[in-house]
Amino acid sequence: MACRCWTELRRPLRGLAAFDDEHARDKALYSTWLAEAYATAGEVEEAARVAARAADLADGVASVRPQQRIRHVVSALALEHAAVPAVAELAERTT
């Protein structure tokens, strides 16, 4: 939850820095909010990179919520930035 709070405070890197990959479901979820924060800041390529990392973390996790969040983020990125190669690659990979 601390990661989510830091993201809402616009300091997302602080929250994820010490969050271990062992907690793949939660880290994938929090990474989707980080990706949205990057997109909002105009850092589209970084948003796509973080969303791709979230997809990697969520692969094989027995929870549908990370996949739902990833689809939401990818759809939003593709809607506004489909011409950006990193976004196009991510959209192709996750659909």
PDB file of N, CA and C in Angstrom:
ATOM      1  N   MET A   1       0.818  -1.188   0.000  1.00  0.00           N
ATOM      2  CA  MET A   1       0.000   0.000   0.000  1.00  0.00           C
ATOM      3  C   MET A   1       0.869   1.262   0.000  1.00  0.00           C
ATOM      4  N   ALA A   2       2.027   1.180   0.625  1.00  0.00           N
ATOM      5  CA  ALA A   2       2.926   2.339   0.636  1.00  0.00           C
ATOM      6  C   ALA A   2       3.301   2.741  -0.786  1.00  0.00           C
ATOM      7  N   CYS A   3       3.491   1.749  -1.664  1.00  0.00           N
ATOM      8  CA  CYS A   3       3.829   2.057  -3.064  1.00  0.00           C
ATOM      9  C   CYS A   3       2.713   2.851  -3.719  1.00  0.00           C
ATOM     10  N   ARG A   4       1.492   2.465  -3.471  1.00  0.00           N
ATOM     11  CA  ARG A   4       0.343   3.164  -4.053  1.00  0.00           C
ATOM     12  C   ARG A   4       0.278   4.595  -3.521  1.00  0.00           C
ATOM     13  N   CYS A   5       0.526   4.762  -2.237  1.00  0.00           N
ATOM     14  CA  CYS A   5       0.514   6.106  -1.643  1.00  0.00           C
ATOM     15  C   CYS A   5       1.591   6.990  -2.253  1.00  0.00           C
ATOM     16  N   TRP A   6       2.797   6.452  -2.412  1.00  0.00           N
ATOM     17  CA  TRP A   6       3.872   7.234  -3.015  1.00  0.00           C
ATOM     18  C   TRP A   6       3.525   7.608  -4.451  1.00  0.00           C
ATOM     19  N   THR A   7       2.865   6.708  -5.162  1.00  0.00           N
ATOM     20  CA  THR A   7       2.466   7.011  -6.535  1.00  0.00           C
ATOM     21  C   THR A   7       1.464   8.152  -6.549  1.00  0.00           C
ATOM     22  N   GLU A   8       0.487   8.093  -5.664  1.00  0.00           N
ATOM     23  CA  GLU A   8      -0.504   9.170  -5.592  1.00  0.00           C
ATOM     24  C   GLU A   8       0.133  10.501  -5.203  1.00  0.00           C
ATOM     25  N   LEU A   9       1.205  10.453  -4.432  1.00  0.00           N
ATOM     26  CA  LEU A   9       1.925  11.663  -4.038  1.00  0.00           C
ATOM     27  C   LEU A   9       2.903  12.131  -5.113  1.00  0.00           C
ATOM     28  N   ARG A  10       2.874  11.456  -6.264  1.00  0.00           N
ATOM     29  CA  ARG A  10       3.734  11.788  -7.416  1.00  0.00           C
ATOM     30  C   ARG A  10       5.209  11.520  -7.126  1.00  0.00           C
ATOM     31  N   ARG A  11       5.478  10.514  -6.283  1.00  0.00           N
ATOM     32  CA  ARG A  11       6.841  10.086  -5.977  1.00  0.00           C
ATOM     33  C   ARG A  11       6.924   8.570  -6.065  1.00  0.00           C
ATOM     34  N   PRO A  12       6.538   8.019  -7.226  1.00  0.00           N
ATOM     35  CA  PRO A  12       6.391   6.568  -7.341  1.00  0.00           C
ATOM     36  C   PRO A  12       7.684   5.778  -7.226  1.00  0.00           C
ATOM     37  N   LEU A  13       8.786   6.346  -7.621  1.00  0.00           N
ATOM     38  CA  LEU A  13      10.036   5.594  -7.558  1.00  0.00           C
ATOM     39  C   LEU A  13      10.429   5.269  -6.128  1.00  0.00           C
ATOM     40  N   ARG A  14      10.088   6.134  -5.230  1.00  0.00           N
ATOM     41  CA  ARG A  14      10.397   5.913  -3.818  1.00  0.00           C
ATOM     42  C   ARG A  14       9.679   4.657  -3.315  1.00  0.00           C
ATOM     43  N   GLY A  15       8.460   4.441  -3.750  1.00  0.00           N
ATOM     44  CA  GLY A  15       7.682   3.303  -3.282  1.00  0.00           C
ATOM     45  C   GLY A  15       8.142   1.968  -3.828  1.00  0.00           C
ATOM     46  N   LEU A  16       8.556   1.918  -5.086  1.00  0.00           N
ATOM     47  CA  LEU A  16       8.919   0.647  -5.702  1.00  0.00           C
ATOM     48  C   LEU A  16      10.386   0.279  -5.526  1.00  0.00           C
ATOM     49  N   ALA A  17      11.202   1.204  -5.105  1.00  0.00           N
ATOM     50  CA  ALA A  17      12.642   0.964  -5.027  1.00  0.00           C
ATOM     51  C   ALA A  17      13.006  -0.256  -4.176  1.00  0.00           C
ATOM     52  N   ALA A  18      12.336  -0.432  -3.077  1.00  0.00           N
ATOM     53  CA  ALA A  18      12.701  -1.521  -2.173  1.00  0.00           C
ATOM     54  C   ALA A  18      11.704  -2.683  -2.221  1.00  0.00           C
ATOM     55  N   PHE A  19      10.824  -2.671  -3.200  1.00  0.00           N
ATOM     56  CA  PHE A  19       9.782  -3.692  -3.294  1.00  0.00           C
ATOM     57  C   PHE A  19      10.309  -4.864  -4.104  1.00  0.00           C
ATOM     58  N   ASP A  20      10.484  -6.003  -3.463  1.00  0.00           N
ATOM     59  CA  ASP A  20      11.093  -7.179  -4.071  1.00  0.00           C
ATOM     60  C   ASP A  20      10.169  -7.841  -5.093  1.00  0.00           C
ATOM     61  N   ASP A  21      10.757  -8.445  -6.121  1.00  0.00           N
ATOM     62  CA  ASP A  21       9.999  -9.144  -7.158  1.00  0.00           C
ATOM     63  C   ASP A  21       9.278 -10.378  -6.632  1.00  0.00           C
ATOM     64  N   GLU A  22       9.615 -10.838  -5.432  1.00  0.00           N
ATOM     65  CA  GLU A  22       8.903 -11.965  -4.827  1.00  0.00           C
ATOM     66  C   GLU A  22       7.418 -11.660  -4.684  1.00  0.00           C
ATOM     67  N   HIS A  23       7.106 -10.412  -4.561  1.00  0.00           N
ATOM     68  CA  HIS A  23       5.717  -9.964  -4.415  1.00  0.00           C
ATOM     69  C   HIS A  23       5.208  -9.539  -5.797  1.00  0.00           C
ATOM     70  N   ALA A  24       5.266 -10.468  -6.736  1.00  0.00           N
ATOM     71  CA  ALA A  24       5.009 -10.163  -8.143  1.00  0.00           C
ATOM     72  C   ALA A  24       3.633  -9.557  -8.383  1.00  0.00           C
ATOM     73  N   ARG A  25       2.601 -10.093  -7.759  1.00  0.00           N
ATOM     74  CA  ARG A  25       1.259  -9.569  -7.988  1.00  0.00           C
ATOM     75  C   ARG A  25       1.177  -8.100  -7.594  1.00  0.00           C
ATOM     76  N   ASP A  26       1.605  -7.808  -6.368  1.00  0.00           N
ATOM     77  CA  ASP A  26       1.517  -6.442  -5.873  1.00  0.00           C
ATOM     78  C   ASP A  26       2.440  -5.504  -6.639  1.00  0.00           C
ATOM     79  N   LYS A  27       3.642  -5.960  -6.915  1.00  0.00           N
ATOM     80  CA  LYS A  27       4.578  -5.109  -7.643  1.00  0.00           C
ATOM     81  C   LYS A  27       4.066  -4.835  -9.054  1.00  0.00           C
ATOM     82  N   ALA A  28       3.450  -5.820  -9.687  1.00  0.00           N
ATOM     83  CA  ALA A  28       2.861  -5.607 -11.011  1.00  0.00           C
ATOM     84  C   ALA A  28       1.755  -4.552 -10.930  1.00  0.00           C
ATOM     85  N   LEU A  29       0.897  -4.678  -9.937  1.00  0.00           N
ATOM     86  CA  LEU A  29      -0.175  -3.690  -9.775  1.00  0.00           C
ATOM     87  C   LEU A  29       0.374  -2.287  -9.570  1.00  0.00           C
ATOM     88  N   TYR A  30       1.301  -2.148  -8.636  1.00  0.00           N
ATOM     89  CA  TYR A  30       1.848  -0.828  -8.355  1.00  0.00           C
ATOM     90  C   TYR A  30       2.613  -0.285  -9.555  1.00  0.00           C
ATOM     91  N   SER A  31       3.199  -1.162 -10.315  1.00  0.00           N
ATOM     92  CA  SER A  31       3.909  -0.723 -11.523  1.00  0.00           C
ATOM     93  C   SER A  31       2.956  -0.144 -12.557  1.00  0.00           C
ATOM     94  N   THR A  32       1.714  -0.638 -12.575  1.00  0.00           N
ATOM     95  CA  THR A  32       0.757  -0.057 -13.528  1.00  0.00           C
ATOM     96  C   THR A  32       0.442   1.385 -13.171  1.00  0.00           C
ATOM     97  N   TRP A  33       0.374   1.677 -11.886  1.00  0.00           N
ATOM     98  CA  TRP A  33       0.151   3.067 -11.487  1.00  0.00           C
ATOM     99  C   TRP A  33       1.382   3.921 -11.790  1.00  0.00           C
ATOM    100  N   LEU A  34       2.543   3.333 -11.648  1.00  0.00           N
ATOM    101  CA  LEU A  34       3.770   4.038 -12.021  1.00  0.00           C
ATOM    102  C   LEU A  34       3.763   4.330 -13.515  1.00  0.00           C
ATOM    103  N   ALA A  35       3.351   3.363 -14.312  1.00  0.00           N
ATOM    104  CA  ALA A  35       3.273   3.567 -15.762  1.00  0.00           C
ATOM    105  C   ALA A  35       2.308   4.704 -16.091  1.00  0.00           C
ATOM    106  N   GLU A  36       1.182   4.740 -15.414  1.00  0.00           N
ATOM    107  CA  GLU A  36       0.225   5.840 -15.634  1.00  0.00           C
ATOM    108  C   GLU A  36       0.833   7.183 -15.245  1.00  0.00           C
ATOM    109  N   ALA A  37       1.586   7.205 -14.155  1.00  0.00           N
ATOM    110  CA  ALA A  37       2.227   8.453 -13.734  1.00  0.00           C
ATOM    111  C   ALA A  37       3.224   8.927 -14.784  1.00  0.00           C
ATOM    112  N   TYR A  38       4.001   7.991 -15.347  1.00  0.00           N
ATOM    113  CA  TYR A  38       4.924   8.362 -16.421  1.00  0.00           C
ATOM    114  C   TYR A  38       4.171   8.876 -17.634  1.00  0.00           C
ATOM    115  N   ALA A  39       3.080   8.236 -18.005  1.00  0.00           N
ATOM    116  CA  ALA A  39       2.295   8.679 -19.157  1.00  0.00           C
ATOM    117  C   ALA A  39       1.743  10.085 -18.928  1.00  0.00           C
ATOM    118  N   THR A  40       1.254  10.330 -17.732  1.00  0.00           N
ATOM    119  CA  THR A  40       0.725  11.650 -17.389  1.00  0.00           C
ATOM    120  C   THR A  40       1.807  12.720 -17.482  1.00  0.00           C
ATOM    121  N   ALA A  41       3.033  12.336 -17.148  1.00  0.00           N
ATOM    122  CA  ALA A  41       4.162  13.275 -17.195  1.00  0.00           C
ATOM    123  C   ALA A  41       4.727  13.419 -18.609  1.00  0.00           C
ATOM    124  N   GLY A  42       4.152  12.693 -19.581  1.00  0.00           N
ATOM    125  CA  GLY A  42       4.633  12.789 -20.957  1.00  0.00           C
ATOM    126  C   GLY A  42       5.795  11.863 -21.268  1.00  0.00           C
ATOM    127  N   GLU A  43       6.123  10.972 -20.354  1.00  0.00           N
ATOM    128  CA  GLU A  43       7.219  10.018 -20.537  1.00  0.00           C
ATOM    129  C   GLU A  43       6.648   8.703 -21.068  1.00  0.00           C
ATOM    130  N   VAL A  44       6.217   8.736 -22.322  1.00  0.00           N
ATOM    131  CA  VAL A  44       5.483   7.625 -22.914  1.00  0.00           C
ATOM    132  C   VAL A  44       6.337   6.372 -23.038  1.00  0.00           C
ATOM    133  N   GLU A  45       7.567   6.511 -23.488  1.00  0.00           N
ATOM    134  CA  GLU A  45       8.434   5.337 -23.635  1.00  0.00           C
ATOM    135  C   GLU A  45       8.701   4.675 -22.289  1.00  0.00           C
ATOM    136  N   GLU A  46       8.907   5.482 -21.266  1.00  0.00           N
ATOM    137  CA  GLU A  46       9.141   4.935 -19.925  1.00  0.00           C
ATOM    138  C   GLU A  46       7.866   4.286 -19.394  1.00  0.00           C
ATOM    139  N   ALA A  47       6.731   4.874 -19.691  1.00  0.00           N
ATOM    140  CA  ALA A  47       5.456   4.273 -19.306  1.00  0.00           C
ATOM    141  C   ALA A  47       5.302   2.894 -19.942  1.00  0.00           C
ATOM    142  N   ALA A  48       5.645   2.793 -21.210  1.00  0.00           N
ATOM    143  CA  ALA A  48       5.555   1.504 -21.906  1.00  0.00           C
ATOM    144  C   ALA A  48       6.542   0.502 -21.315  1.00  0.00           C
ATOM    145  N   ARG A  49       7.745   0.963 -20.975  1.00  0.00           N
ATOM    146  CA  ARG A  49       8.746   0.076 -20.383  1.00  0.00           C
ATOM    147  C   ARG A  49       8.268  -0.476 -19.046  1.00  0.00           C
ATOM    148  N   VAL A  50       7.720   0.386 -18.216  1.00  0.00           N
ATOM    149  CA  VAL A  50       7.247  -0.036 -16.897  1.00  0.00           C
ATOM    150  C   VAL A  50       6.034  -0.962 -17.034  1.00  0.00           C
ATOM    151  N   ALA A  51       5.152  -0.666 -17.968  1.00  0.00           N
ATOM    152  CA  ALA A  51       3.992  -1.539 -18.193  1.00  0.00           C
ATOM    153  C   ALA A  51       4.442  -2.912 -18.691  1.00  0.00           C
ATOM    154  N   ALA A  52       5.467  -2.943 -19.525  1.00  0.00           N
ATOM    155  CA  ALA A  52       6.010  -4.223 -20.000  1.00  0.00           C
ATOM    156  C   ALA A  52       6.599  -5.007 -18.832  1.00  0.00           C
ATOM    157  N   ARG A  53       7.270  -4.326 -17.944  1.00  0.00           N
ATOM    158  CA  ARG A  53       7.829  -4.984 -16.754  1.00  0.00           C
ATOM    159  C   ARG A  53       6.704  -5.517 -15.871  1.00  0.00           C
ATOM    160  N   ALA A  54       5.622  -4.756 -15.750  1.00  0.00           N
ATOM    161  CA  ALA A  54       4.469  -5.215 -14.985  1.00  0.00           C
ATOM    162  C   ALA A  54       3.893  -6.487 -15.609  1.00  0.00           C
ATOM    163  N   ALA A  55       3.832  -6.526 -16.936  1.00  0.00           N
ATOM    164  CA  ALA A  55       3.334  -7.717 -17.626  1.00  0.00           C
ATOM    165  C   ALA A  55       4.239  -8.911 -17.349  1.00  0.00           C
ATOM    166  N   ASP A  56       5.544  -8.681 -17.344  1.00  0.00           N
ATOM    167  CA  ASP A  56       6.488  -9.761 -17.017  1.00  0.00           C
ATOM    168  C   ASP A  56       6.240 -10.282 -15.602  1.00  0.00           C
ATOM    169  N   LEU A  57       6.069  -9.373 -14.663  1.00  0.00           N
ATOM    170  CA  LEU A  57       5.840  -9.767 -13.270  1.00  0.00           C
ATOM    171  C   LEU A  57       4.520 -10.523 -13.113  1.00  0.00           C
ATOM    172  N   ALA A  58       3.503 -10.095 -13.830  1.00  0.00           N
ATOM    173  CA  ALA A  58       2.171 -10.682 -13.686  1.00  0.00           C
ATOM    174  C   ALA A  58       2.027 -12.016 -14.402  1.00  0.00           C
ATOM    175  N   ASP A  59       2.950 -12.312 -15.294  1.00  0.00           N
ATOM    176  CA  ASP A  59       2.876 -13.564 -16.038  1.00  0.00           C
ATOM    177  C   ASP A  59       2.964 -14.745 -15.075  1.00  0.00           C
ATOM    178  N   GLY A  60       1.930 -15.537 -15.034  1.00  0.00           N
ATOM    179  CA  GLY A  60       1.920 -16.702 -14.158  1.00  0.00           C
ATOM    180  C   GLY A  60       1.368 -16.448 -12.764  1.00  0.00           C
ATOM    181  N   VAL A  61       0.996 -15.224 -12.457  1.00  0.00           N
ATOM    182  CA  VAL A  61       0.419 -14.909 -11.156  1.00  0.00           C
ATOM    183  C   VAL A  61      -1.046 -15.339 -11.164  1.00  0.00           C
ATOM    184  N   ALA A  62      -1.466 -15.975 -10.103  1.00  0.00           N
ATOM    185  CA  ALA A  62      -2.826 -16.502 -10.017  1.00  0.00           C
ATOM    186  C   ALA A  62      -3.821 -15.440  -9.558  1.00  0.00           C
ATOM    187  N   SER A  63      -3.812 -14.305 -10.229  1.00  0.00           N
ATOM    188  CA  SER A  63      -4.738 -13.226  -9.918  1.00  0.00           C
ATOM    189  C   SER A  63      -5.055 -12.500 -11.220  1.00  0.00           C
ATOM    190  N   VAL A  64      -6.310 -12.191 -11.427  1.00  0.00           N
ATOM    191  CA  VAL A  64      -6.693 -11.504 -12.663  1.00  0.00           C
ATOM    192  C   VAL A  64      -6.497  -9.986 -12.578  1.00  0.00           C
ATOM    193  N   ARG A  65      -6.427  -9.468 -11.376  1.00  0.00           N
ATOM    194  CA  ARG A  65      -6.360  -8.012 -11.226  1.00  0.00           C
ATOM    195  C   ARG A  65      -5.147  -7.377 -11.903  1.00  0.00           C
ATOM    196  N   PRO A  66      -3.937  -7.922 -11.762  1.00  0.00           N
ATOM    197  CA  PRO A  66      -2.811  -7.298 -12.482  1.00  0.00           C
ATOM    198  C   PRO A  66      -3.035  -7.276 -13.996  1.00  0.00           C
ATOM    199  N   GLN A  67      -3.570  -8.357 -14.539  1.00  0.00           N
ATOM    200  CA  GLN A  67      -3.825  -8.393 -15.980  1.00  0.00           C
ATOM    201  C   GLN A  67      -4.863  -7.356 -16.392  1.00  0.00           C
ATOM    202  N   GLN A  68      -5.868  -7.159 -15.561  1.00  0.00           N
ATOM    203  CA  GLN A  68      -6.884  -6.139 -15.853  1.00  0.00           C
ATOM    204  C   GLN A  68      -6.262  -4.745 -15.871  1.00  0.00           C
ATOM    205  N   ARG A  69      -5.429  -4.465 -14.868  1.00  0.00           N
ATOM    206  CA  ARG A  69      -4.774  -3.150 -14.791  1.00  0.00           C
ATOM    207  C   ARG A  69      -3.822  -2.951 -15.976  1.00  0.00           C
ATOM    208  N   ILE A  70      -3.095  -4.002 -16.337  1.00  0.00           N
ATOM    209  CA  ILE A  70      -2.157  -3.905 -17.454  1.00  0.00           C
ATOM    210  C   ILE A  70      -2.931  -3.612 -18.737  1.00  0.00           C
ATOM    211  N   ARG A  71      -4.033  -4.324 -18.965  1.00  0.00           N
ATOM    212  CA  ARG A  71      -4.854  -4.062 -20.155  1.00  0.00           C
ATOM    213  C   ARG A  71      -5.356  -2.627 -20.170  1.00  0.00           C
ATOM    214  N   HIS A  72      -5.767  -2.135 -19.007  1.00  0.00           N
ATOM    215  CA  HIS A  72      -6.253  -0.751 -18.907  1.00  0.00           C
ATOM    216  C   HIS A  72      -5.153   0.246 -19.301  1.00  0.00           C
ATOM    217  N   VAL A  73      -3.971   0.051 -18.739  1.00  0.00           N
ATOM    218  CA  VAL A  73      -2.851   0.956 -19.025  1.00  0.00           C
ATOM    219  C   VAL A  73      -2.448   0.881 -20.497  1.00  0.00           C
ATOM    220  N   VAL A  74      -2.350  -0.329 -21.017  1.00  0.00           N
ATOM    221  CA  VAL A  74      -1.945  -0.500 -22.413  1.00  0.00           C
ATOM    222  C   VAL A  74      -2.985   0.118 -23.343  1.00  0.00           C
ATOM    223  N   SER A  75      -4.259  -0.069 -23.046  1.00  0.00           N
ATOM    224  CA  SER A  75      -5.314   0.525 -23.870  1.00  0.00           C
ATOM    225  C   SER A  75      -5.219   2.048 -23.873  1.00  0.00           C
ATOM    226  N   ALA A  76      -5.001   2.618 -22.699  1.00  0.00           N
ATOM    227  CA  ALA A  76      -4.886   4.077 -22.603  1.00  0.00           C
ATOM    228  C   ALA A  76      -3.668   4.586 -23.367  1.00  0.00           C
ATOM    229  N   LEU A  77      -2.551   3.897 -23.218  1.00  0.00           N
ATOM    230  CA  LEU A  77      -1.349   4.295 -23.957  1.00  0.00           C
ATOM    231  C   LEU A  77      -1.569   4.178 -25.458  1.00  0.00           C
ATOM    232  N   ALA A  78      -2.153   3.064 -25.887  1.00  0.00           N
ATOM    233  CA  ALA A  78      -2.361   2.833 -27.320  1.00  0.00           C
ATOM    234  C   ALA A  78      -3.360   3.830 -27.904  1.00  0.00           C
ATOM    235  N   LEU A  79      -4.334   4.224 -27.122  1.00  0.00           N
ATOM    236  CA  LEU A  79      -5.330   5.177 -27.589  1.00  0.00           C
ATOM    237  C   LEU A  79      -4.699   6.521 -27.950  1.00  0.00           C
ATOM    238  N   GLU A  80      -3.766   6.955 -27.142  1.00  0.00           N
ATOM    239  CA  GLU A  80      -3.155   8.268 -27.347  1.00  0.00           C
ATOM    240  C   GLU A  80      -1.800   8.232 -28.041  1.00  0.00           C
ATOM    241  N   HIS A  81      -1.110   7.090 -27.979  1.00  0.00           N
ATOM    242  CA  HIS A  81       0.274   7.051 -28.460  1.00  0.00           C
ATOM    243  C   HIS A  81       0.574   5.816 -29.304  1.00  0.00           C
ATOM    244  N   ALA A  82      -0.373   5.406 -30.110  1.00  0.00           N
ATOM    245  CA  ALA A  82      -0.207   4.186 -30.908  1.00  0.00           C
ATOM    246  C   ALA A  82       0.983   4.262 -31.858  1.00  0.00           C
ATOM    247  N   ALA A  83       1.369   5.453 -32.264  1.00  0.00           N
ATOM    248  CA  ALA A  83       2.478   5.621 -33.212  1.00  0.00           C
ATOM    249  C   ALA A  83       3.850   5.491 -32.556  1.00  0.00           C
ATOM    250  N   VAL A  84       3.896   5.505 -31.238  1.00  0.00           N
ATOM    251  CA  VAL A  84       5.173   5.363 -30.535  1.00  0.00           C
ATOM    252  C   VAL A  84       5.571   3.885 -30.589  1.00  0.00           C
ATOM    253  N   PRO A  85       6.737   3.571 -31.135  1.00  0.00           N
ATOM    254  CA  PRO A  85       7.127   2.159 -31.298  1.00  0.00           C
ATOM    255  C   PRO A  85       7.043   1.325 -30.021  1.00  0.00           C
ATOM    256  N   ALA A  86       7.475   1.871 -28.895  1.00  0.00           N
ATOM    257  CA  ALA A  86       7.440   1.112 -27.638  1.00  0.00           C
ATOM    258  C   ALA A  86       6.001   0.776 -27.244  1.00  0.00           C
ATOM    259  N   VAL A  87       5.085   1.676 -27.510  1.00  0.00           N
ATOM    260  CA  VAL A  87       3.673   1.448 -27.191  1.00  0.00           C
ATOM    261  C   VAL A  87       3.084   0.416 -28.145  1.00  0.00           C
ATOM    262  N   ALA A  88       3.393   0.542 -29.428  1.00  0.00           N
ATOM    263  CA  ALA A  88       2.895  -0.427 -30.408  1.00  0.00           C
ATOM    264  C   ALA A  88       3.386  -1.833 -30.084  1.00  0.00           C
ATOM    265  N   GLU A  89       4.650  -1.947 -29.725  1.00  0.00           N
ATOM    266  CA  GLU A  89       5.216  -3.249 -29.362  1.00  0.00           C
ATOM    267  C   GLU A  89       4.541  -3.822 -28.117  1.00  0.00           C
ATOM    268  N   LEU A  90       4.327  -2.963 -27.124  1.00  0.00           N
ATOM    269  CA  LEU A  90       3.665  -3.397 -25.900  1.00  0.00           C
ATOM    270  C   LEU A  90       2.232  -3.845 -26.186  1.00  0.00           C
ATOM    271  N   ALA A  91       1.514  -3.073 -26.992  1.00  0.00           N
ATOM    272  CA  ALA A  91       0.136  -3.432 -27.319  1.00  0.00           C
ATOM    273  C   ALA A  91       0.072  -4.766 -28.038  1.00  0.00           C
ATOM    274  N   GLU A  92       0.983  -4.989 -28.959  1.00  0.00           N
ATOM    275  CA  GLU A  92       1.019  -6.258 -29.676  1.00  0.00           C
ATOM    276  C   GLU A  92       1.339  -7.416 -28.740  1.00  0.00           C
ATOM    277  N   ARG A  93       2.256  -7.170 -27.846  1.00  0.00           N
ATOM    278  CA  ARG A  93       2.691  -8.215 -26.911  1.00  0.00           C
ATOM    279  C   ARG A  93       1.618  -8.606 -25.912  1.00  0.00           C
ATOM    280  N   THR A  94       0.814  -7.656 -25.488  1.00  0.00           N
ATOM    281  CA  THR A  94      -0.134  -7.910 -24.413  1.00  0.00           C
ATOM    282  C   THR A  94      -1.555  -8.196 -24.896  1.00  0.00           C
ATOM    283  N   THR A  95      -1.777  -8.213 -26.190  1.00  0.00           N
ATOM    284  CA  THR A  95      -3.146  -8.509 -26.668  1.00  0.00           C
ATOM    285  C   THR A  95      -3.245  -9.924 -27.184  1.00  0.00           C
TER     286      THR A  95
END
